[in-house]
Amino acid sequence: MKDEKLIERFLSKVTFGNHINDCHEWSGYTMPNGYGIIKKTNSRQYEYVHRLAYELYKGTIPRNIFVCHHCDNRKCVNPSHLFLGTAKDNSLDMKRKDRHLSGEKNSVSKLTEDQVYEIHKLHKETSLSSYKLAKIFGVRQMTIWRILKGLRWSHVYKNLYDQKVTTSDEHE
């Protein structure tokens, strides 16, 4: 890829850090998701700038592969901060760094962390079935079952039972 105009426009919008290991931040337009984009020369198409940076400095990005950030800075285009990964790699990286929307961080969650602790407590102390617990807490029976097995809200399960949980997210 040798589009000199695109490269020139790209570099004019990068604020380089003081040190080589610092983030080099995109100062141009960013999408609502925080990622920078640039319009391709003589085209109506746009490209994510972190992907462009990877291609410029490291090479071709295989089909269906993500360009991920070690630094978790969506505006960063420092090639040393970028790495390739699958969708699964990207999800696991996000989970390892506690950036996934789990528990109360997930805006569609119907339960609070306190309620999940209460579900475990009620199940242990009263042996209420997952069906009855689901009725009490206004969620599906499968949701309760997954909570009790540690497949959902796994951090609560781990805190209660001090065990490593293999979540369903790690298998998807």
C-alpha atoms as a PDB file:
ATOM      1  CA  MET A   1       0.000   0.000   0.000  1.00  0.00           C
ATOM      2  CA  LYS A   2       1.732   3.157  -1.214  1.00  0.00           C
ATOM      3  CA  ASP A   3      -0.889   5.894  -1.165  1.00  0.00           C
ATOM      4  CA  GLU A   4       1.426   8.829  -0.430  1.00  0.00           C
ATOM      5  CA  LYS A   5      -1.454  11.327   0.017  1.00  0.00           C
ATOM      6  CA  LEU A   6      -3.139   9.061   2.552  1.00  0.00           C
ATOM      7  CA  ILE A   7       0.113   8.516   4.436  1.00  0.00           C
ATOM      8  CA  GLU A   8       0.786  12.268   4.505  1.00  0.00           C
ATOM      9  CA  ARG A   9      -2.743  13.031   5.797  1.00  0.00           C
ATOM     10  CA  PHE A  10      -2.434  10.225   8.334  1.00  0.00           C
ATOM     11  CA  LEU A  11       0.910  11.453   9.715  1.00  0.00           C
ATOM     12  CA  SER A  12      -0.336  15.062   9.904  1.00  0.00           C
ATOM     13  CA  LYS A  13      -3.016  13.925  12.373  1.00  0.00           C
ATOM     14  CA  VAL A  14      -0.759  11.918  14.684  1.00  0.00           C
ATOM     15  CA  THR A  15       0.551  13.438  17.906  1.00  0.00           C
ATOM     16  CA  PHE A  16       3.719  11.536  18.715  1.00  0.00           C
ATOM     17  CA  GLY A  17       4.584  10.820  22.336  1.00  0.00           C
ATOM     18  CA  ASN A  18       7.826  12.036  23.896  1.00  0.00           C
ATOM     19  CA  HIS A  19       9.284   8.540  24.012  1.00  0.00           C
ATOM     20  CA  ILE A  20       9.169   5.697  21.503  1.00  0.00           C
ATOM     21  CA  ASN A  21       7.125   3.566  23.925  1.00  0.00           C
ATOM     22  CA  ASP A  22       4.487   6.271  24.480  1.00  0.00           C
ATOM     23  CA  CYS A  23       1.152   6.185  22.712  1.00  0.00           C
ATOM     24  CA  HIS A  24       1.107   8.064  19.417  1.00  0.00           C
ATOM     25  CA  GLU A  25      -2.409   9.475  19.395  1.00  0.00           C
ATOM     26  CA  TRP A  26      -4.709  10.167  16.494  1.00  0.00           C
ATOM     27  CA  SER A  27      -5.917  13.778  16.633  1.00  0.00           C
ATOM     28  CA  GLY A  28      -8.260  13.531  13.642  1.00  0.00           C
ATOM     29  CA  TYR A  29     -11.865  12.461  13.508  1.00  0.00           C
ATOM     30  CA  THR A  30     -12.959   9.661  15.820  1.00  0.00           C
ATOM     31  CA  MET A  31     -16.057   7.534  15.702  1.00  0.00           C
ATOM     32  CA  PRO A  32     -18.442   7.497  18.691  1.00  0.00           C
ATOM     33  CA  ASN A  33     -16.760   4.220  19.724  1.00  0.00           C
ATOM     34  CA  GLY A  34     -13.473   6.139  20.208  1.00  0.00           C
ATOM     35  CA  TYR A  35     -11.564   4.725  17.232  1.00  0.00           C
ATOM     36  CA  GLY A  36      -9.997   7.143  14.755  1.00  0.00           C
ATOM     37  CA  ILE A  37     -10.878   6.952  11.086  1.00  0.00           C
ATOM     38  CA  ILE A  38      -9.506   8.465   7.892  1.00  0.00           C
ATOM     39  CA  LYS A  39     -11.054   8.748   4.455  1.00  0.00           C
ATOM     40  CA  LYS A  40      -9.227   6.839   1.765  1.00  0.00           C
ATOM     41  CA  THR A  41      -7.870   8.909  -1.121  1.00  0.00           C
ATOM     42  CA  ASN A  42     -10.292   9.293  -4.061  1.00  0.00           C
ATOM     43  CA  SER A  43     -12.846   7.106  -2.327  1.00  0.00           C
ATOM     44  CA  ARG A  44     -15.960   7.294  -0.194  1.00  0.00           C
ATOM     45  CA  GLN A  45     -14.571   4.603   2.084  1.00  0.00           C
ATOM     46  CA  TYR A  46     -13.031   5.138   5.492  1.00  0.00           C
ATOM     47  CA  GLU A  47     -10.448   3.109   7.342  1.00  0.00           C
ATOM     48  CA  TYR A  48      -9.671   2.750  11.032  1.00  0.00           C
ATOM     49  CA  VAL A  49      -6.362   4.496  11.653  1.00  0.00           C
ATOM     50  CA  HIS A  50      -4.962   1.819  13.979  1.00  0.00           C
ATOM     51  CA  ARG A  51      -5.427  -0.707  11.152  1.00  0.00           C
ATOM     52  CA  LEU A  52      -3.780   1.699   8.701  1.00  0.00           C
ATOM     53  CA  ALA A  53      -0.852   2.153  11.098  1.00  0.00           C
ATOM     54  CA  TYR A  54      -0.448  -1.606  11.405  1.00  0.00           C
ATOM     55  CA  GLU A  55      -0.412  -2.024   7.619  1.00  0.00           C
ATOM     56  CA  LEU A  56       2.035   0.850   7.124  1.00  0.00           C
ATOM     57  CA  TYR A  57       4.572  -0.327   9.682  1.00  0.00           C
ATOM     58  CA  LYS A  58       4.034  -4.059  10.128  1.00  0.00           C
ATOM     59  CA  GLY A  59       2.377  -5.452   7.015  1.00  0.00           C
ATOM     60  CA  THR A  60      -0.805  -6.968   5.699  1.00  0.00           C
ATOM     61  CA  ILE A  61      -3.685  -7.785   8.013  1.00  0.00           C
ATOM     62  CA  PRO A  62      -5.171 -11.208   7.231  1.00  0.00           C
ATOM     63  CA  ARG A  63      -8.883 -11.426   6.515  1.00  0.00           C
ATOM     64  CA  ASN A  64     -11.177 -11.585   9.595  1.00  0.00           C
ATOM     65  CA  ILE A  65      -8.346 -10.575  11.924  1.00  0.00           C
ATOM     66  CA  PHE A  66      -8.514  -7.737  14.441  1.00  0.00           C
ATOM     67  CA  VAL A  67      -5.812  -5.178  15.177  1.00  0.00           C
ATOM     68  CA  CYS A  68      -5.768  -4.983  18.979  1.00  0.00           C
ATOM     69  CA  HIS A  69      -4.083  -2.527  21.367  1.00  0.00           C
ATOM     70  CA  HIS A  70      -1.722  -3.590  24.157  1.00  0.00           C
ATOM     71  CA  CYS A  71      -2.251  -0.107  25.624  1.00  0.00           C
ATOM     72  CA  ASP A  72      -6.078  -0.131  25.361  1.00  0.00           C
ATOM     73  CA  ASN A  73      -5.964   3.412  23.952  1.00  0.00           C
ATOM     74  CA  ARG A  74      -8.319   3.427  20.975  1.00  0.00           C
ATOM     75  CA  LYS A  75      -6.672   6.560  19.547  1.00  0.00           C
ATOM     76  CA  CYS A  76      -3.178   5.023  19.684  1.00  0.00           C
ATOM     77  CA  VAL A  77      -1.456   4.272  16.373  1.00  0.00           C
ATOM     78  CA  ASN A  78       1.975   3.352  17.769  1.00  0.00           C
ATOM     79  CA  PRO A  79       2.823   0.156  15.851  1.00  0.00           C
ATOM     80  CA  SER A  80       4.603  -1.315  18.878  1.00  0.00           C
ATOM     81  CA  HIS A  81       1.305  -1.124  20.782  1.00  0.00           C
ATOM     82  CA  LEU A  82      -0.630  -3.002  18.086  1.00  0.00           C
ATOM     83  CA  PHE A  83      -1.015  -6.744  17.654  1.00  0.00           C
ATOM     84  CA  LEU A  84      -3.124  -9.077  15.559  1.00  0.00           C
ATOM     85  CA  GLY A  85      -5.756 -11.370  16.988  1.00  0.00           C
ATOM     86  CA  THR A  86      -8.993 -13.166  16.295  1.00  0.00           C
ATOM     87  CA  ALA A  87     -12.333 -12.007  17.681  1.00  0.00           C
ATOM     88  CA  LYS A  88     -11.833 -14.524  20.494  1.00  0.00           C
ATOM     89  CA  ASP A  89      -8.314 -13.202  21.216  1.00  0.00           C
ATOM     90  CA  ASN A  90      -9.729  -9.679  21.373  1.00  0.00           C
ATOM     91  CA  SER A  91     -12.514 -10.732  23.759  1.00  0.00           C
ATOM     92  CA  LEU A  92     -10.133 -12.642  26.044  1.00  0.00           C
ATOM     93  CA  ASP A  93      -7.708  -9.689  26.072  1.00  0.00           C
ATOM     94  CA  MET A  94     -10.581  -7.393  27.034  1.00  0.00           C
ATOM     95  CA  LYS A  95     -11.672  -9.792  29.772  1.00  0.00           C
ATOM     96  CA  ARG A  96      -8.121 -10.181  31.150  1.00  0.00           C
ATOM     97  CA  LYS A  97      -7.905  -6.398  31.415  1.00  0.00           C
ATOM     98  CA  ASP A  98     -11.355  -6.189  33.035  1.00  0.00           C
ATOM     99  CA  ARG A  99     -12.785  -4.042  30.249  1.00  0.00           C
ATOM    100  CA  HIS A 100     -15.698  -6.316  29.405  1.00  0.00           C
ATOM    101  CA  LEU A 101     -19.215  -5.313  30.369  1.00  0.00           C
ATOM    102  CA  SER A 102     -19.878  -7.863  33.051  1.00  0.00           C
ATOM    103  CA  GLY A 103     -22.097  -7.648  36.071  1.00  0.00           C
ATOM    104  CA  GLU A 104     -23.465  -4.216  36.846  1.00  0.00           C
ATOM    105  CA  LYS A 105     -21.212  -2.631  34.180  1.00  0.00           C
ATOM    106  CA  ASN A 106     -23.503  -4.230  31.607  1.00  0.00           C
ATOM    107  CA  SER A 107     -26.360  -1.784  31.033  1.00  0.00           C
ATOM    108  CA  VAL A 108     -28.787  -4.579  30.144  1.00  0.00           C
ATOM    109  CA  SER A 109     -28.135  -6.573  33.321  1.00  0.00           C
ATOM    110  CA  LYS A 110     -31.369  -7.192  35.230  1.00  0.00           C
ATOM    111  CA  LEU A 111     -29.605  -8.082  38.465  1.00  0.00           C
ATOM    112  CA  THR A 112     -27.283  -6.273  40.819  1.00  0.00           C
ATOM    113  CA  GLU A 113     -24.258  -7.863  42.425  1.00  0.00           C
ATOM    114  CA  ASP A 114     -26.059  -7.857  45.789  1.00  0.00           C
ATOM    115  CA  GLN A 115     -28.961  -9.771  44.238  1.00  0.00           C
ATOM    116  CA  VAL A 116     -26.571 -12.373  42.812  1.00  0.00           C
ATOM    117  CA  TYR A 117     -25.041 -12.881  46.265  1.00  0.00           C
ATOM    118  CA  GLU A 118     -28.594 -13.211  47.623  1.00  0.00           C
ATOM    119  CA  ILE A 119     -29.436 -15.835  44.980  1.00  0.00           C
ATOM    120  CA  HIS A 120     -26.448 -17.929  46.084  1.00  0.00           C
ATOM    121  CA  LYS A 121     -27.346 -17.455  49.760  1.00  0.00           C
ATOM    122  CA  LEU A 122     -31.001 -18.417  49.275  1.00  0.00           C
ATOM    123  CA  HIS A 123     -30.110 -21.441  47.204  1.00  0.00           C
ATOM    124  CA  LYS A 124     -27.604 -22.658  49.780  1.00  0.00           C
ATOM    125  CA  GLU A 125     -29.725 -21.970  52.872  1.00  0.00           C
ATOM    126  CA  THR A 126     -33.190 -22.894  51.596  1.00  0.00           C
ATOM    127  CA  SER A 127     -32.503 -25.154  48.612  1.00  0.00           C
ATOM    128  CA  LEU A 128     -34.933 -23.104  46.550  1.00  0.00           C
ATOM    129  CA  SER A 129     -34.989 -24.354  42.977  1.00  0.00           C
ATOM    130  CA  SER A 130     -33.689 -22.287  40.098  1.00  0.00           C
ATOM    131  CA  TYR A 131     -37.309 -22.047  38.903  1.00  0.00           C
ATOM    132  CA  LYS A 132     -38.478 -20.450  42.189  1.00  0.00           C
ATOM    133  CA  LEU A 133     -35.433 -18.179  42.372  1.00  0.00           C
ATOM    134  CA  ALA A 134     -36.131 -17.029  38.812  1.00  0.00           C
ATOM    135  CA  LYS A 135     -39.698 -16.101  39.789  1.00  0.00           C
ATOM    136  CA  ILE A 136     -38.475 -14.196  42.862  1.00  0.00           C
ATOM    137  CA  PHE A 137     -35.841 -12.203  40.945  1.00  0.00           C
ATOM    138  CA  GLY A 138     -37.762 -11.753  37.694  1.00  0.00           C
ATOM    139  CA  VAL A 139     -35.293 -13.488  35.396  1.00  0.00           C
ATOM    140  CA  ARG A 140     -35.270 -16.702  33.379  1.00  0.00           C
ATOM    141  CA  GLN A 141     -34.618 -20.028  35.069  1.00  0.00           C
ATOM    142  CA  MET A 142     -31.572 -20.560  32.810  1.00  0.00           C
ATOM    143  CA  THR A 143     -30.092 -17.288  34.096  1.00  0.00           C
ATOM    144  CA  ILE A 144     -30.344 -18.557  37.691  1.00  0.00           C
ATOM    145  CA  TRP A 145     -28.878 -21.922  36.709  1.00  0.00           C
ATOM    146  CA  ARG A 146     -25.912 -20.193  35.025  1.00  0.00           C
ATOM    147  CA  ILE A 147     -25.378 -17.966  38.078  1.00  0.00           C
ATOM    148  CA  LEU A 148     -25.418 -20.972  40.433  1.00  0.00           C
ATOM    149  CA  LYS A 149     -22.929 -22.862  38.214  1.00  0.00           C
ATOM    150  CA  GLY A 150     -20.630 -19.831  37.971  1.00  0.00           C
ATOM    151  CA  LEU A 151     -21.178 -19.379  34.241  1.00  0.00           C
ATOM    152  CA  ARG A 152     -22.627 -15.896  34.786  1.00  0.00           C
ATOM    153  CA  TRP A 153     -21.415 -13.430  37.377  1.00  0.00           C
ATOM    154  CA  SER A 154     -18.381 -15.693  37.704  1.00  0.00           C
ATOM    155  CA  HIS A 155     -16.516 -13.203  39.899  1.00  0.00           C
ATOM    156  CA  VAL A 156     -19.238 -13.607  42.567  1.00  0.00           C
ATOM    157  CA  TYR A 157     -19.036 -17.388  42.295  1.00  0.00           C
ATOM    158  CA  LYS A 158     -15.261 -17.230  42.636  1.00  0.00           C
ATOM    159  CA  ASN A 159     -15.526 -14.941  45.684  1.00  0.00           C
ATOM    160  CA  LEU A 160     -18.005 -17.282  47.343  1.00  0.00           C
ATOM    161  CA  TYR A 161     -16.403 -20.592  46.526  1.00  0.00           C
ATOM    162  CA  ASP A 162     -12.789 -19.531  45.893  1.00  0.00           C
ATOM    163  CA  GLN A 163     -12.614 -21.579  42.709  1.00  0.00           C
ATOM    164  CA  LYS A 164     -11.430 -20.963  39.178  1.00  0.00           C
ATOM    165  CA  VAL A 165     -14.432 -20.828  36.900  1.00  0.00           C
ATOM    166  CA  THR A 166     -14.321 -21.534  33.195  1.00  0.00           C
ATOM    167  CA  THR A 167     -16.941 -19.144  31.896  1.00  0.00           C
ATOM    168  CA  SER A 168     -18.973 -19.753  28.798  1.00  0.00           C
ATOM    169  CA  ASP A 169     -17.369 -16.593  27.332  1.00  0.00           C
ATOM    170  CA  GLU A 170     -14.043 -18.428  27.218  1.00  0.00           C
ATOM    171  CA  HIS A 171     -15.598 -21.146  25.088  1.00  0.00           C
ATOM    172  CA  GLU A 172     -17.303 -18.867  22.587  1.00  0.00           C
END
